[in-house]
Protein backbone atom coordinates (compact mmCIF):
# COMPACT_ATOMS: atom_id res chain seq x y z
CA MET A 1 74.11 73.06 103.11
CA VAL A 2 74.49 74.08 100.18
CA MET A 3 71.79 74.80 97.35
CA VAL A 4 72.38 74.13 93.32
CA VAL A 5 71.65 76.90 91.64
CA ALA A 6 72.05 75.45 88.22
CA CYS A 7 72.13 71.32 87.83
CA ALA A 8 74.40 70.50 85.26
CA PRO A 9 77.96 68.01 85.34
CA THR A 10 81.18 69.61 87.05
CA ALA A 11 84.17 70.50 85.52
CA SER A 12 85.39 68.79 88.38
CA GLN A 13 83.68 65.57 87.67
CA ASN A 14 86.32 65.19 84.15
CA PRO A 15 88.54 62.98 85.00
CA ALA A 16 90.89 65.17 82.01
CA ASP A 17 90.72 67.73 84.38
CA SER A 18 94.29 68.05 85.25
CA SER A 19 95.32 68.43 81.69
CA GLY A 20 94.60 71.72 80.87
CA ALA A 21 91.57 74.66 80.94
CA ALA A 22 90.78 72.76 77.69
CA SER A 23 89.63 69.58 79.18
CA LEU A 24 86.75 72.12 81.44
CA SER A 25 83.64 71.36 80.17
CA ARG A 26 82.22 74.49 82.76
CA LEU A 27 83.33 76.52 85.78
CA THR A 28 80.98 75.53 88.96
CA PHE A 29 81.93 78.48 91.29
CA GLY A 30 80.73 78.83 95.27
CA VAL A 31 79.64 81.64 97.25
CA GLY A 32 79.00 81.74 101.01
CA PRO A 33 76.02 83.16 102.96
CA TYR A 34 76.61 86.86 102.73
CA PHE A 35 73.34 88.30 102.16
CA PRO A 36 70.17 86.67 103.62
CA THR A 37 68.93 84.81 100.95
CA PRO A 38 70.25 82.23 98.21
CA ASN A 39 68.90 84.03 94.96
CA GLU A 40 70.19 87.37 96.93
CA ASN A 41 73.55 85.66 96.85
CA ARG A 42 72.97 84.74 93.37
CA LYS A 43 71.90 88.29 91.59
CA GLN A 44 74.99 89.92 93.84
CA PHE A 45 78.06 87.28 92.58
CA GLU A 46 77.06 85.42 88.98
CA PRO A 47 77.30 88.76 87.59
CA LEU A 48 81.64 88.38 88.21
CA PHE A 49 81.14 84.22 88.26
CA ASN A 50 79.87 84.52 84.78
CA THR A 51 82.65 87.26 83.58
CA LEU A 52 85.42 84.97 84.76
CA ALA A 53 84.38 81.86 83.17
CA GLU A 54 84.40 83.64 79.85
CA GLN A 55 88.04 84.27 80.34
CA VAL A 56 88.19 80.44 80.21
CA GLY A 57 85.43 80.03 77.37
CA VAL A 58 83.49 77.76 79.09
CA PRO A 59 79.68 78.78 80.76
CA ALA A 60 79.58 79.20 84.77
CA GLU A 61 77.51 77.06 87.10
CA VAL A 62 76.83 78.36 90.57
CA ILE A 63 76.39 76.82 93.98
CA VAL A 64 75.24 79.27 97.06
CA ALA A 65 75.76 77.82 100.86
CA GLU A 66 73.85 77.86 103.34
CA ASP A 67 76.58 78.13 106.20
CA TRP A 68 80.09 78.94 105.69
CA ILE A 69 81.33 75.32 106.75
CA GLY A 70 79.29 73.83 103.82
CA ILE A 71 81.08 76.17 100.81
CA SER A 72 84.10 75.26 102.30
CA GLU A 73 84.12 71.47 102.64
CA ALA A 74 81.88 71.60 98.52
CA LEU A 75 85.30 72.77 97.04
CA ARG A 76 87.48 70.38 99.10
CA SER A 77 85.30 67.80 97.58
CA ARG A 78 85.85 69.18 94.41
CA THR A 79 81.77 69.51 93.87
CA LEU A 80 82.90 73.09 93.15
CA ASP A 81 86.24 74.43 90.82
CA VAL A 82 86.36 78.01 92.38
CA ALA A 83 84.58 79.10 95.39
CA TRP A 84 84.98 82.83 97.26
CA LEU A 85 85.31 81.36 100.97
CA GLY A 86 85.49 83.32 104.28
CA PRO A 87 88.87 83.87 105.33
CA TRP A 88 88.25 81.61 108.20
CA GLY A 89 86.34 78.85 106.21
CA TYR A 90 89.22 79.55 103.52
CA VAL A 91 91.99 78.67 106.06
CA LEU A 92 89.77 75.28 107.89
CA ALA A 93 89.81 73.94 103.86
CA GLN A 94 92.85 74.69 103.33
CA HIS A 95 94.39 73.27 106.79
CA ASN A 96 92.03 70.42 105.90
CA ASP A 97 93.13 69.77 102.10
CA PRO A 98 96.51 71.73 101.74
CA SER A 99 96.04 71.19 97.49
CA LEU A 100 93.33 74.56 97.86
CA GLN A 101 94.45 77.65 96.51
CA ALA A 102 93.99 81.07 97.01
CA ILE A 103 94.23 82.98 93.94
CA ALA A 104 92.85 86.55 95.25
CA THR A 105 91.70 88.77 97.90
CA VAL A 106 88.97 90.82 97.53
CA LYS A 107 88.82 94.59 98.03
CA TYR A 108 86.30 96.17 99.32
CA LYS A 109 86.87 100.11 99.86
CA ASP A 110 89.59 99.72 98.01
CA GLN A 111 91.54 97.60 100.88
CA PRO A 112 91.99 94.27 101.21
CA VAL A 113 91.17 94.35 105.23
CA TYR A 114 88.29 94.52 107.18
CA TYR A 115 87.17 94.37 111.13
CA SER A 116 85.92 91.49 113.33
CA VAL A 117 83.47 93.59 115.36
CA LEU A 118 81.15 93.84 118.86
CA MET A 119 78.02 95.69 118.97
CA ALA A 120 75.57 96.94 121.52
CA ARG A 121 72.68 99.38 121.08
CA ALA A 122 73.87 103.10 121.15
CA ASP A 123 71.38 103.49 124.58
CA ALA A 124 73.50 100.34 125.87
CA PRO A 125 74.88 101.68 129.50
CA PHE A 126 78.47 99.99 128.73
CA ASP A 127 80.97 101.46 125.67
CA THR A 128 83.53 98.92 125.48
CA LEU A 129 84.12 95.61 126.06
CA ASP A 130 85.74 95.62 129.31
CA GLU A 131 82.69 97.46 130.73
CA ALA A 132 80.48 94.70 129.43
CA ILE A 133 82.54 92.16 130.91
CA ALA A 134 82.52 93.93 134.09
CA GLN A 135 78.99 95.20 133.90
CA SER A 136 77.98 91.03 133.34
CA GLN A 137 79.93 89.83 135.74
CA GLU A 138 78.70 91.40 138.31
CA GLY A 139 74.88 92.03 137.44
CA SER A 140 72.82 89.70 135.46
CA LYS A 141 75.00 88.17 132.74
CA LEU A 142 74.45 90.29 129.27
CA LYS A 143 73.23 88.64 126.15
CA LEU A 144 75.92 87.80 123.30
CA SER A 145 75.11 86.29 120.15
CA LEU A 146 78.47 84.58 118.14
CA ALA A 147 77.35 84.01 114.48
CA ASP A 148 78.02 81.10 112.46
CA VAL A 149 81.37 79.10 113.86
CA GLY A 150 82.58 79.16 110.36
CA SER A 151 82.41 82.70 110.40
CA THR A 152 85.59 84.57 110.68
CA SER A 153 84.51 87.81 111.96
CA GLY A 154 81.38 86.03 113.55
CA TRP A 155 82.44 82.99 115.47
CA LEU A 156 86.68 82.79 115.50
CA ILE A 157 87.74 86.49 115.80
CA PRO A 158 85.67 86.93 119.23
CA GLN A 159 86.45 83.39 120.70
CA ALA A 160 90.03 84.41 119.71
CA GLU A 161 89.61 87.88 121.57
CA PHE A 162 87.77 86.08 124.64
CA THR A 163 91.11 83.35 124.78
CA ARG A 164 93.54 86.41 125.13
CA ARG A 165 91.35 87.50 128.39
CA ASN A 166 91.32 84.39 129.61
CA LEU A 167 87.80 84.75 129.33
CA ASP A 168 84.87 82.03 128.77
CA PRO A 169 81.89 83.86 126.97
CA LYS A 170 79.74 80.67 127.72
CA THR A 171 80.46 81.19 131.53
CA VAL A 172 80.45 85.12 131.68
CA PHE A 173 77.57 86.36 128.91
CA ASP A 174 74.19 84.80 128.68
CA TYR A 175 75.60 82.95 125.75
CA SER A 176 74.45 81.73 122.23
CA GLU A 177 75.94 81.02 118.83
CA GLY A 178 75.14 80.02 115.04
CA ALA A 179 72.99 83.11 113.76
CA SER A 180 72.96 84.48 110.62
CA HIS A 181 74.98 87.51 110.02
CA ALA A 182 71.32 89.47 108.72
CA ALA A 183 70.00 88.84 112.19
CA GLN A 184 72.95 89.44 114.09
CA ALA A 185 72.11 93.22 113.96
CA ILE A 186 68.41 93.45 114.24
CA ALA A 187 68.65 91.17 117.20
CA VAL A 188 70.64 93.90 118.53
CA LEU A 189 68.85 96.64 117.66
CA SER A 190 65.79 94.82 118.99
CA GLY A 191 66.50 94.57 122.11
CA GLN A 192 66.33 90.39 121.84
CA ILE A 193 70.25 90.11 122.11
CA ASP A 194 72.44 92.84 124.09
CA ILE A 195 75.84 92.36 122.10
CA ALA A 196 76.76 90.74 118.91
CA SER A 197 79.38 90.44 116.70
CA ASP A 198 79.37 91.08 113.16
CA TYR A 199 82.28 92.48 110.75
CA ASP A 200 82.34 95.93 109.43
CA ARG A 201 81.32 95.26 105.96
CA ASN A 202 77.84 93.34 106.68
CA LEU A 203 76.78 96.91 108.56
CA ASP A 204 77.31 98.35 105.27
CA VAL A 205 75.07 96.30 103.85
CA LEU A 206 72.76 96.11 106.61
CA THR A 207 72.51 100.05 106.17
CA ASN A 208 72.46 100.54 102.99
CA GLU A 209 69.38 98.22 101.99
CA GLY A 210 67.51 99.78 104.38
CA ARG A 211 67.58 97.01 106.35
CA ILE A 212 68.66 98.64 110.28
CA ASP A 213 69.66 102.75 111.75
CA LYS A 214 73.65 102.20 112.13
CA SER A 215 73.12 105.23 114.38
CA LYS A 216 71.60 103.78 116.61
CA LEU A 217 74.42 100.63 117.17
CA LYS A 218 77.65 101.41 119.10
CA ILE A 219 80.85 99.39 118.34
CA ILE A 220 82.55 97.95 121.98
CA TRP A 221 85.25 96.01 120.10
CA GLN A 222 87.09 96.01 117.11
CA SER A 223 89.54 94.03 116.12
CA ASP A 224 92.87 93.88 114.19
CA PRO A 225 92.48 94.72 110.65
CA LEU A 226 91.72 90.92 108.90
CA PRO A 227 92.29 89.76 105.31
CA ASN A 228 89.10 90.17 103.13
CA ASP A 229 87.52 86.58 101.38
CA PRO A 230 89.59 84.89 98.63
CA ILE A 231 88.61 83.48 95.36
CA VAL A 232 89.88 79.97 95.98
CA VAL A 233 90.23 76.94 93.41
CA ARG A 234 90.38 73.26 94.24
CA GLY A 235 93.75 71.56 93.91
CA ASP A 236 93.83 70.03 90.66
CA PHE A 237 92.80 72.92 88.73
CA PRO A 238 94.18 73.57 85.59
CA ALA A 239 97.16 75.71 85.95
CA ASP A 240 96.13 78.06 82.74
CA ALA A 241 92.76 78.60 83.58
CA LYS A 242 93.62 79.11 87.01
CA ALA A 243 96.50 81.62 85.66
CA LYS A 244 93.54 83.27 83.73
CA LEU A 245 91.44 83.27 86.47
CA GLN A 246 93.61 85.42 88.57
CA GLU A 247 94.60 87.50 85.92
CA ALA A 248 91.27 88.82 85.22
CA LEU A 249 90.55 89.09 88.53
CA VAL A 250 93.58 91.13 89.35
CA ASN A 251 92.97 93.11 86.55
CA LEU A 252 89.74 93.76 87.08
CA THR A 253 89.41 97.71 86.48
CA PRO A 254 86.76 99.62 89.18
CA GLU A 255 84.48 100.72 86.84
CA GLN A 256 84.03 96.62 86.06
CA ALA A 257 83.61 96.10 89.78
CA ALA A 258 81.07 98.18 90.05
CA THR A 259 78.87 96.29 86.91
CA LEU A 260 80.45 92.81 88.45
CA LEU A 261 80.82 93.20 92.41
CA PRO A 262 77.72 94.34 95.23
CA LYS A 263 78.51 97.25 96.57
CA ASN A 264 82.05 99.35 97.84
CA TYR A 265 83.72 95.86 96.27
CA THR A 266 86.29 97.78 94.46
CA GLY A 267 88.68 94.24 92.48
CA PHE A 268 91.10 92.33 94.17
CA ILE A 269 94.90 91.77 94.88
CA SER A 270 96.52 88.80 93.55
CA SER A 271 97.10 86.27 96.67
CA ASP A 272 98.88 82.85 97.08
CA GLY A 273 97.26 82.77 100.75
CA LYS A 274 99.94 84.00 102.71
CA ASN A 275 98.19 87.01 103.92
CA TYR A 276 95.95 84.21 105.86
CA ALA A 277 98.11 83.66 108.49
CA PRO A 278 96.63 85.82 110.71
CA ILE A 279 93.07 83.56 110.49
CA GLU A 280 95.34 80.31 111.14
CA GLN A 281 96.99 82.12 114.42
CA ALA A 282 93.61 82.72 115.28
CA GLY A 283 92.09 79.55 114.78
CA LYS A 284 95.00 78.04 116.16
CA ARG A 285 94.71 80.36 119.36
CA VAL A 286 91.24 78.75 119.71
CA GLY A 287 92.20 75.21 119.71
CA LYS A 288 90.12 74.49 116.23
CA LEU A 289 93.77 73.84 115.08
CA LYS A 290 97.04 72.44 115.73
């Protein structure tokens, strides 16, 4: 589901879009559910989108999604011109519409990578995923919660890890999926869930906002490095406008990033989408891509 924050005709509704940036009347940006509410998402990401639109000389319209699949579908359907996608959302969308193009990857604490994690309470009677699997197989099944199926770190990467181990998490655990990232750590800390998926950046956000005490959690499994989120443009987006956006993103200074991006996001590196190959491989491993 997507929610329109500001209503106006989108640039993608203009048949002259592909002729160049001059044909754009506005830029319609989309972003996934990184923060617990649409209003928080808008507050965190609108400054960047407004600044990028200024580089092209048109106003910005912001659309926020309530799930990860929704934002990808909106980009594919040309409801959006530009989107800040999750890595898995980008790979899925680009697989179905190869004309979509990644132009940049965001840096978090100066790094273009992040990690998927499985977490438990700090006082849980297991310290590793191997121990948790053994305990769940030998006694009462532990409750495992994976996130939205459109999430890279919350669903795809943990599923790929279980597939690599030749395990079905629905058999080994008392399994559930579809939770928001914001709810995962809270569910673990409250005792509703024994193990939950998340990503390291989100645990930082929840800690900084005072929503959780990270010292009461422990990480029992961590993925290999994953490419951070891409900025993606629709396939028929004007080439000159794309070049302006990519240049603006890559040249963003740390000082500008501090005012335009959520906390700890420090800029962007250029991308052509090839750095998302590990996500594509995980999608194939779990049978979601062929």
